[in-house]
C-alpha atoms as a PDB file:
ATOM      1  CA  MET A   1       0.000   0.000   0.000  1.00  0.00           C
ATOM      2  CA  GLY A   2       2.847   2.377   0.836  1.00  0.00           C
ATOM      3  CA  HIS A   3       4.459   1.889  -2.569  1.00  0.00           C
ATOM      4  CA  GLN A   4       1.125   2.465  -4.312  1.00  0.00           C
ATOM      5  CA  LEU A   5       0.570   5.708  -2.451  1.00  0.00           C
ATOM      6  CA  LYS A   6       4.111   6.824  -3.235  1.00  0.00           C
ATOM      7  CA  PHE A   7       3.716   6.198  -6.964  1.00  0.00           C
ATOM      8  CA  ALA A   8       0.281   7.818  -6.917  1.00  0.00           C
ATOM      9  CA  SER A   9       1.775  10.944  -5.385  1.00  0.00           C
ATOM     10  CA  TYR A  10       4.469  11.046  -8.076  1.00  0.00           C
ATOM     11  CA  HIS A  11       1.808  10.683 -10.735  1.00  0.00           C
ATOM     12  CA  ASP A  12      -0.265  13.469  -9.204  1.00  0.00           C
ATOM     13  CA  GLU A  13       2.818  15.685  -9.136  1.00  0.00           C
ATOM     14  CA  VAL A  14       3.574  15.151 -12.836  1.00  0.00           C
ATOM     15  CA  VAL A  15      -0.064  15.576 -13.876  1.00  0.00           C
ATOM     16  CA  ALA A  16      -0.428  18.785 -11.848  1.00  0.00           C
ATOM     17  CA  ALA A  17       2.729  20.255 -13.380  1.00  0.00           C
ATOM     18  CA  LEU A  18       1.696  19.388 -16.932  1.00  0.00           C
ATOM     19  CA  SER A  19      -1.902  20.492 -16.439  1.00  0.00           C
ATOM     20  CA  GLU A  20      -0.695  24.018 -15.732  1.00  0.00           C
ATOM     21  CA  LEU A  21       0.978  24.063 -19.143  1.00  0.00           C
ATOM     22  CA  GLY A  22      -1.772  22.439 -21.168  1.00  0.00           C
ATOM     23  CA  SER A  23      -5.037  23.239 -22.887  1.00  0.00           C
ATOM     24  CA  LYS A  24      -8.160  21.095 -22.602  1.00  0.00           C
ATOM     25  CA  GLU A  25      -9.219  22.079 -26.107  1.00  0.00           C
ATOM     26  CA  LEU A  26      -5.850  21.097 -27.557  1.00  0.00           C
ATOM     27  CA  GLY A  27      -5.877  17.887 -25.538  1.00  0.00           C
ATOM     28  CA  ALA A  28      -9.264  16.905 -26.965  1.00  0.00           C
ATOM     29  CA  ALA A  29      -8.061  17.695 -30.474  1.00  0.00           C
ATOM     30  CA  ILE A  30      -4.897  15.603 -30.014  1.00  0.00           C
ATOM     31  CA  GLN A  31      -6.876  12.641 -28.724  1.00  0.00           C
ATOM     32  CA  LYS A  32      -9.247  12.822 -31.674  1.00  0.00           C
ATOM     33  CA  ASP A  33      -6.475  13.261 -34.228  1.00  0.00           C
ATOM     34  CA  ARG A  34      -4.470  10.291 -32.918  1.00  0.00           C
ATOM     35  CA  ARG A  35      -7.544   8.144 -32.278  1.00  0.00           C
ATOM     36  CA  SER A  36      -6.022   7.337 -28.901  1.00  0.00           C
ATOM     37  CA  GLN A  37      -7.744   5.786 -25.918  1.00  0.00           C
ATOM     38  CA  LEU A  38      -5.653   7.986 -23.624  1.00  0.00           C
ATOM     39  CA  THR A  39      -6.639  11.387 -22.277  1.00  0.00           C
ATOM     40  CA  TYR A  40      -4.458  14.363 -23.222  1.00  0.00           C
ATOM     41  CA  LEU A  41      -3.724  17.447 -21.160  1.00  0.00           C
ATOM     42  CA  GLY A  42      -2.834  19.374 -24.297  1.00  0.00           C
ATOM     43  CA  VAL A  43       0.818  20.194 -23.599  1.00  0.00           C
ATOM     44  CA  ARG A  44       2.871  20.958 -26.686  1.00  0.00           C
ATOM     45  CA  ILE A  45       6.028  18.846 -26.957  1.00  0.00           C
ATOM     46  CA  PRO A  46       8.565  21.717 -26.783  1.00  0.00           C
ATOM     47  CA  VAL A  47       6.847  22.988 -23.633  1.00  0.00           C
ATOM     48  CA  LEU A  48       6.712  19.503 -22.110  1.00  0.00           C
ATOM     49  CA  ARG A  49      10.361  18.914 -22.949  1.00  0.00           C
ATOM     50  CA  SER A  50      11.360  22.138 -21.226  1.00  0.00           C
ATOM     51  CA  ARG A  51       9.388  21.186 -18.112  1.00  0.00           C
ATOM     52  CA  ILE A  52      10.986  17.748 -17.932  1.00  0.00           C
ATOM     53  CA  LYS A  53      14.439  19.370 -17.859  1.00  0.00           C
ATOM     54  CA  HIS A  54      13.477  21.101 -14.608  1.00  0.00           C
ATOM     55  CA  GLY A  55      12.787  17.723 -12.997  1.00  0.00           C
ATOM     56  CA  PHE A  56      10.383  16.550 -10.319  1.00  0.00           C
ATOM     57  CA  SER A  57      10.713  15.638  -6.658  1.00  0.00           C
ATOM     58  CA  PHE A  58      11.803  12.100  -7.557  1.00  0.00           C
ATOM     59  CA  THR A  59      14.217  12.784 -10.420  1.00  0.00           C
ATOM     60  CA  ASP A  60      17.225  13.389  -8.179  1.00  0.00           C
ATOM     61  CA  ARG A  61      17.066   9.793  -6.960  1.00  0.00           C
ATOM     62  CA  PRO A  62      19.454   7.120  -8.320  1.00  0.00           C
ATOM     63  CA  ASN A  63      18.893   6.448 -12.020  1.00  0.00           C
ATOM     64  CA  ASN A  64      17.504   2.950 -11.508  1.00  0.00           C
ATOM     65  CA  GLU A  65      14.897   4.243  -9.057  1.00  0.00           C
ATOM     66  CA  VAL A  66      13.872   7.052 -11.391  1.00  0.00           C
ATOM     67  CA  LEU A  67      13.518   4.580 -14.262  1.00  0.00           C
ATOM     68  CA  LEU A  68      11.300   2.372 -12.092  1.00  0.00           C
ATOM     69  CA  ILE A  69       9.049   5.319 -11.225  1.00  0.00           C
ATOM     70  CA  TRP A  70       8.611   6.315 -14.873  1.00  0.00           C
ATOM     71  CA  ASP A  71       7.954   2.675 -15.698  1.00  0.00           C
ATOM     72  CA  VAL A  72       5.102   2.495 -13.197  1.00  0.00           C
ATOM     73  CA  LEU A  73       3.683   5.779 -14.470  1.00  0.00           C
ATOM     74  CA  TRP A  74       3.929   4.597 -18.085  1.00  0.00           C
ATOM     75  CA  HIS A  75       1.948   1.445 -17.433  1.00  0.00           C
ATOM     76  CA  ASN A  76      -0.702   3.047 -15.232  1.00  0.00           C
ATOM     77  CA  SER A  77      -1.285   6.674 -16.216  1.00  0.00           C
ATOM     78  CA  PRO A  78      -4.447   7.488 -18.205  1.00  0.00           C
ATOM     79  CA  TYR A  79      -2.709  10.569 -19.644  1.00  0.00           C
ATOM     80  CA  GLY A  80      -0.800  10.512 -22.903  1.00  0.00           C
ATOM     81  CA  ASP A  81       1.248  13.507 -21.762  1.00  0.00           C
ATOM     82  CA  VAL A  82       2.671  11.458 -18.865  1.00  0.00           C
ATOM     83  CA  LEU A  83       3.844   8.837 -21.347  1.00  0.00           C
ATOM     84  CA  PHE A  84       5.551  11.574 -23.350  1.00  0.00           C
ATOM     85  CA  ALA A  85       7.164  12.813 -20.124  1.00  0.00           C
ATOM     86  CA  ALA A  86       8.645   9.358 -19.511  1.00  0.00           C
ATOM     87  CA  ILE A  87      10.061   9.291 -23.043  1.00  0.00           C
ATOM     88  CA  GLU A  88      11.491  12.786 -22.795  1.00  0.00           C
ATOM     89  CA  HIS A  89      13.213  11.918 -19.523  1.00  0.00           C
ATOM     90  CA  LEU A  90      14.839   8.768 -20.903  1.00  0.00           C
ATOM     91  CA  LEU A  91      15.728   9.890 -24.442  1.00  0.00           C
ATOM     92  CA  PRO A  92      18.602  12.296 -23.632  1.00  0.00           C
ATOM     93  CA  ILE A  93      20.059   9.657 -21.304  1.00  0.00           C
ATOM     94  CA  VAL A  94      20.163   6.850 -23.878  1.00  0.00           C
ATOM     95  CA  ARG A  95      21.583   9.196 -26.509  1.00  0.00           C
ATOM     96  CA  LYS A  96      24.723   9.388 -24.387  1.00  0.00           C
ATOM     97  CA  GLN A  97      24.922   5.941 -22.831  1.00  0.00           C
ATOM     98  CA  SER A  98      22.525   3.106 -22.123  1.00  0.00           C
ATOM     99  CA  ASN A  99      22.556  -0.044 -20.045  1.00  0.00           C
ATOM    100  CA  THR A 100      20.761  -3.373 -20.133  1.00  0.00           C
ATOM    101  CA  GLU A 101      18.195  -2.306 -17.543  1.00  0.00           C
ATOM    102  CA  MET A 102      16.974   0.542 -19.749  1.00  0.00           C
ATOM    103  CA  TRP A 103      16.204  -1.917 -22.526  1.00  0.00           C
ATOM    104  CA  LEU A 104      14.652  -4.552 -20.253  1.00  0.00           C
ATOM    105  CA  VAL A 105      12.306  -1.924 -18.825  1.00  0.00           C
ATOM    106  CA  SER A 106      11.487   0.159 -21.883  1.00  0.00           C
ATOM    107  CA  ARG A 107      10.915  -2.750 -24.287  1.00  0.00           C
ATOM    108  CA  LEU A 108       7.681  -3.495 -22.405  1.00  0.00           C
ATOM    109  CA  TRP A 109       6.471   0.049 -23.032  1.00  0.00           C
ATOM    110  CA  ALA A 110       5.672  -0.969 -26.609  1.00  0.00           C
ATOM    111  CA  ASP A 111       2.810  -3.100 -25.284  1.00  0.00           C
ATOM    112  CA  ARG A 112       0.854   0.045 -24.402  1.00  0.00           C
ATOM    113  CA  LEU A 113       1.227   1.932 -27.663  1.00  0.00           C
ATOM    114  CA  ASP A 114      -1.997   2.985 -29.358  1.00  0.00           C
ATOM    115  CA  ASN A 115      -0.966   5.811 -31.694  1.00  0.00           C
ATOM    116  CA  TRP A 116       1.819   6.723 -34.114  1.00  0.00           C
ATOM    117  CA  CYS A 117       3.156   9.668 -32.117  1.00  0.00           C
ATOM    118  CA  HIS A 118       3.916   7.717 -28.953  1.00  0.00           C
ATOM    119  CA  CYS A 119       5.229   4.891 -31.125  1.00  0.00           C
ATOM    120  CA  ASP A 120       7.692   7.021 -33.047  1.00  0.00           C
ATOM    121  CA  ALA A 121       8.841   8.923 -29.966  1.00  0.00           C
ATOM    122  CA  LEU A 122       9.496   5.641 -28.147  1.00  0.00           C
ATOM    123  CA  CYS A 123      11.355   4.348 -31.198  1.00  0.00           C
ATOM    124  CA  GLY A 124      13.755   7.252 -30.723  1.00  0.00           C
ATOM    125  CA  ILE A 125      14.799   5.499 -27.530  1.00  0.00           C
ATOM    126  CA  TYR A 126      14.837   2.063 -29.134  1.00  0.00           C
ATOM    127  CA  SER A 127      17.051   3.195 -32.026  1.00  0.00           C
ATOM    128  CA  HIS A 128      19.791   4.302 -29.634  1.00  0.00           C
ATOM    129  CA  LEU A 129      19.435   1.138 -27.579  1.00  0.00           C
ATOM    130  CA  LEU A 130      19.672  -0.849 -30.808  1.00  0.00           C
ATOM    131  CA  GLU A 131      22.895   0.860 -31.831  1.00  0.00           C
ATOM    132  CA  GLN A 132      24.468   0.357 -28.400  1.00  0.00           C
ATOM    133  CA  GLN A 133      23.046  -3.082 -27.533  1.00  0.00           C
ATOM    134  CA  PHE A 134      22.485  -4.663 -30.936  1.00  0.00           C
ATOM    135  CA  GLU A 135      22.697  -8.293 -29.803  1.00  0.00           C
ATOM    136  CA  ASP A 136      19.934  -7.734 -27.245  1.00  0.00           C
ATOM    137  CA  VAL A 137      17.620  -5.390 -29.138  1.00  0.00           C
ATOM    138  CA  TYR A 138      17.678  -6.568 -32.750  1.00  0.00           C
ATOM    139  CA  PRO A 139      16.247 -10.053 -32.050  1.00  0.00           C
ATOM    140  CA  MET A 140      13.259  -8.440 -30.325  1.00  0.00           C
ATOM    141  CA  LEU A 141      12.668  -6.179 -33.324  1.00  0.00           C
ATOM    142  CA  VAL A 142      12.606  -9.307 -35.488  1.00  0.00           C
ATOM    143  CA  VAL A 143       9.954 -10.775 -33.184  1.00  0.00           C
ATOM    144  CA  TRP A 144       7.889  -7.581 -33.318  1.00  0.00           C
ATOM    145  CA  ASN A 145       8.260  -7.522 -37.090  1.00  0.00           C
ATOM    146  CA  GLY A 146       6.475 -10.856 -37.281  1.00  0.00           C
ATOM    147  CA  LYS A 147       3.567  -9.831 -35.076  1.00  0.00           C
ATOM    148  CA  ASP A 148       0.130  -8.764 -36.316  1.00  0.00           C
ATOM    149  CA  SER A 149       0.126  -5.888 -33.830  1.00  0.00           C
ATOM    150  CA  LEU A 150       0.199  -2.596 -35.761  1.00  0.00           C
ATOM    151  CA  TRP A 151       2.361  -0.709 -33.283  1.00  0.00           C
ATOM    152  CA  HIS A 152       4.840  -3.504 -32.592  1.00  0.00           C
ATOM    153  CA  ARG A 153       5.299  -3.863 -36.339  1.00  0.00           C
ATOM    154  CA  ARG A 154       5.747  -0.147 -36.909  1.00  0.00           C
ATOM    155  CA  ALA A 155       8.225  -0.015 -34.018  1.00  0.00           C
ATOM    156  CA  SER A 156      10.253  -2.826 -35.586  1.00  0.00           C
ATOM    157  CA  LEU A 157      10.792  -0.573 -38.612  1.00  0.00           C
ATOM    158  CA  VAL A 158      11.023   2.934 -37.171  1.00  0.00           C
ATOM    159  CA  SER A 159      13.609   1.813 -34.598  1.00  0.00           C
ATOM    160  CA  LEU A 160      16.030   0.925 -37.396  1.00  0.00           C
ATOM    161  CA  VAL A 161      17.108   4.536 -37.996  1.00  0.00           C
ATOM    162  CA  HIS A 162      17.720   7.626 -35.865  1.00  0.00           C
ATOM    163  CA  TYR A 163      14.853   9.850 -36.925  1.00  0.00           C
ATOM    164  CA  THR A 164      16.213  11.563 -40.076  1.00  0.00           C
ATOM    165  CA  GLY A 165      19.162  13.413 -41.550  1.00  0.00           C
ATOM    166  CA  LYS A 166      22.909  12.958 -41.889  1.00  0.00           C
ATOM    167  CA  ASN A 167      23.441  10.513 -39.017  1.00  0.00           C
ATOM    168  CA  ALA A 168      20.132   8.676 -39.212  1.00  0.00           C
ATOM    169  CA  VAL A 169      21.471   5.447 -40.735  1.00  0.00           C
ATOM    170  CA  PHE A 170      23.679   3.232 -38.592  1.00  0.00           C
ATOM    171  CA  LEU A 171      22.846  -0.297 -39.779  1.00  0.00           C
ATOM    172  CA  PRO A 172      23.868  -2.028 -43.026  1.00  0.00           C
ATOM    173  CA  PRO A 173      21.170  -2.959 -45.566  1.00  0.00           C
ATOM    174  CA  GLU A 174      21.372  -6.662 -44.785  1.00  0.00           C
ATOM    175  CA  LYS A 175      20.028  -5.961 -41.279  1.00  0.00           C
ATOM    176  CA  VAL A 176      17.310  -3.548 -42.403  1.00  0.00           C
ATOM    177  CA  LEU A 177      15.927  -4.891 -45.682  1.00  0.00           C
ATOM    178  CA  PRO A 178      14.618  -8.269 -44.423  1.00  0.00           C
ATOM    179  CA  LEU A 179      12.408  -6.480 -41.885  1.00  0.00           C
ATOM    180  CA  VAL A 180      11.213  -4.018 -44.517  1.00  0.00           C
ATOM    181  CA  PHE A 181      10.498  -6.801 -47.023  1.00  0.00           C
ATOM    182  CA  ASN A 182       8.385  -8.644 -44.479  1.00  0.00           C
ATOM    183  CA  CYS A 183       6.100  -5.609 -44.210  1.00  0.00           C
ATOM    184  CA  LEU A 184       5.694  -4.757 -47.899  1.00  0.00           C
ATOM    185  CA  GLY A 185       2.413  -6.639 -48.076  1.00  0.00           C
ATOM    186  CA  ASP A 186       0.950  -5.105 -44.927  1.00  0.00           C
ATOM    187  CA  SER A 187      -1.492  -2.559 -46.359  1.00  0.00           C
ATOM    188  CA  ARG A 188      -2.047  -0.625 -43.124  1.00  0.00           C
ATOM    189  CA  HIS A 189      -1.225   3.049 -43.550  1.00  0.00           C
ATOM    190  CA  TYR A 190       1.138   3.351 -40.602  1.00  0.00           C
ATOM    191  CA  ILE A 191       3.125   0.330 -41.771  1.00  0.00           C
ATOM    192  CA  GLN A 192       3.427   1.654 -45.298  1.00  0.00           C
ATOM    193  CA  THR A 193       4.581   5.100 -44.190  1.00  0.00           C
ATOM    194  CA  ALA A 194       7.214   3.406 -42.017  1.00  0.00           C
ATOM    195  CA  VAL A 195       8.377   1.253 -44.941  1.00  0.00           C
ATOM    196  CA  GLY A 196       8.781   4.298 -47.171  1.00  0.00           C
ATOM    197  CA  TRP A 197      10.466   6.393 -44.516  1.00  0.00           C
ATOM    198  CA  VAL A 198      13.061   3.784 -43.521  1.00  0.00           C
ATOM    199  CA  LEU A 199      13.966   3.077 -47.150  1.00  0.00           C
ATOM    200  CA  ARG A 200      14.182   6.796 -47.917  1.00  0.00           C
ATOM    201  CA  GLU A 201      16.735   7.270 -45.141  1.00  0.00           C
ATOM    202  CA  MET A 202      18.655   4.148 -46.176  1.00  0.00           C
ATOM    203  CA  GLY A 203      18.689   5.449 -49.742  1.00  0.00           C
ATOM    204  CA  HIS A 204      20.676   8.492 -48.707  1.00  0.00           C
ATOM    205  CA  VAL A 205      23.544   6.256 -47.563  1.00  0.00           C
ATOM    206  CA  TYR A 206      23.099   3.077 -49.640  1.00  0.00           C
ATOM    207  CA  PRO A 207      21.507   4.306 -52.885  1.00  0.00           C
ATOM    208  CA  SER A 208      22.563   1.429 -55.147  1.00  0.00           C
ATOM    209  CA  GLU A 209      21.413  -1.232 -52.678  1.00  0.00           C
ATOM    210  CA  ILE A 210      18.038   0.433 -52.152  1.00  0.00           C
ATOM    211  CA  VAL A 211      17.525   0.967 -55.901  1.00  0.00           C
ATOM    212  CA  ARG A 212      18.142  -2.742 -56.468  1.00  0.00           C
ATOM    213  CA  PHE A 213      15.736  -3.633 -53.662  1.00  0.00           C
ATOM    214  CA  VAL A 214      13.001  -1.408 -55.084  1.00  0.00           C
ATOM    215  CA  GLU A 215      13.581  -2.751 -58.617  1.00  0.00           C
ATOM    216  CA  LYS A 216      13.296  -6.327 -57.424  1.00  0.00           C
ATOM    217  CA  HIS A 217      10.100  -5.770 -55.451  1.00  0.00           C
ATOM    218  CA  VAL A 218       8.669  -2.780 -57.313  1.00  0.00           C
ATOM    219  CA  HIS A 219       5.214  -4.270 -57.773  1.00  0.00           C
ATOM    220  CA  GLY A 220       4.982  -4.991 -54.077  1.00  0.00           C
ATOM    221  CA  PHE A 221       5.189  -1.318 -53.148  1.00  0.00           C
ATOM    222  CA  SER A 222       2.091   0.618 -52.244  1.00  0.00           C
ATOM    223  CA  PRO A 223       1.811   4.166 -53.657  1.00  0.00           C
ATOM    224  CA  THR A 224       2.300   5.460 -50.097  1.00  0.00           C
ATOM    225  CA  ALA A 225       5.585   3.638 -49.533  1.00  0.00           C
ATOM    226  CA  PHE A 226       6.860   4.163 -53.083  1.00  0.00           C
ATOM    227  CA  SER A 227       6.338   7.930 -53.045  1.00  0.00           C
ATOM    228  CA  ARG A 228       8.450   8.168 -49.904  1.00  0.00           C
ATOM    229  CA  VAL A 229      11.291   5.851 -50.825  1.00  0.00           C
ATOM    230  CA  ILE A 230      12.103   7.580 -54.119  1.00  0.00           C
ATOM    231  CA  GLN A 231      12.734  10.825 -52.216  1.00  0.00           C
ATOM    232  CA  GLY A 232      16.026   9.370 -51.041  1.00  0.00           C
ATOM    233  CA  LEU A 233      17.226   7.943 -54.350  1.00  0.00           C
ATOM    234  CA  PRO A 234      19.372   9.401 -57.177  1.00  0.00           C
ATOM    235  CA  LYS A 235      17.362  11.347 -59.728  1.00  0.00           C
ATOM    236  CA  ASP A 236      18.606   9.241 -62.629  1.00  0.00           C
ATOM    237  CA  SER A 237      17.048   6.165 -61.003  1.00  0.00           C
ATOM    238  CA  VAL A 238      13.746   7.705 -59.971  1.00  0.00           C
ATOM    239  CA  GLN A 239      12.165   8.044 -63.430  1.00  0.00           C
ATOM    240  CA  ARG A 240      13.034   4.461 -64.313  1.00  0.00           C
ATOM    241  CA  LEU A 241      11.573   3.210 -61.040  1.00  0.00           C
ATOM    242  CA  LYS A 242       8.408   5.241 -61.614  1.00  0.00           C
ATOM    243  CA  GLU A 243       7.957   3.606 -65.002  1.00  0.00           C
ATOM    244  CA  LEU A 244       8.513   0.154 -63.534  1.00  0.00           C
ATOM    245  CA  HIS A 245       6.056   0.871 -60.709  1.00  0.00           C
ATOM    246  CA  ARG A 246       3.380   2.090 -63.121  1.00  0.00           C
ATOM    247  CA  GLY A 247       3.936  -0.930 -65.336  1.00  0.00           C
END
């Protein structure tokens, strides 16, 4: 009972702090837009991120205790903003250095995903854990990739790159393309956008390999995925791929 009361007080503290920064109207709009079962306090991400940097009464505890508290809040809070707070606390830590406990705890957070925004934000954590603890993380992504669950499947793809830009790609094609191929036939919108996005980023670094992959499976690409992947490919290949895709 004591532990439950303690965690409840931490949750109340976080919710009270975020409520002061939010908007009920924005929260309702976010919930509707993301088709989420969670309630939203309507705190914009830059504002939430700034508040997290100031910390809470429990964030000066040892790192393993703080991680445990966020874990309990993640699994029990009805507020989507609290889940974002947990992500924003952990993300700058794993960007610098991670440990096995961070992965063992945060991998279970995927079970509660119900919208693309939480999914992609959490994958920001997973991508850094993947780079630093490949032998532990990659096999789980393979498992998620084979699931029917929309958000586990999307996470198995989005976690393969660091968001976007110059340093986004850190894995070779032979580790990425099998997971992408397995999702080509999954017609769900959020899977197809993930397919296109991952291949677009890979195309910036491995253009010839991605062109060959698209050529080989061109008729398996949805318009959604195809339109995204060609954004990362050399211009002299794009027209030819468009013709093949139309044909």
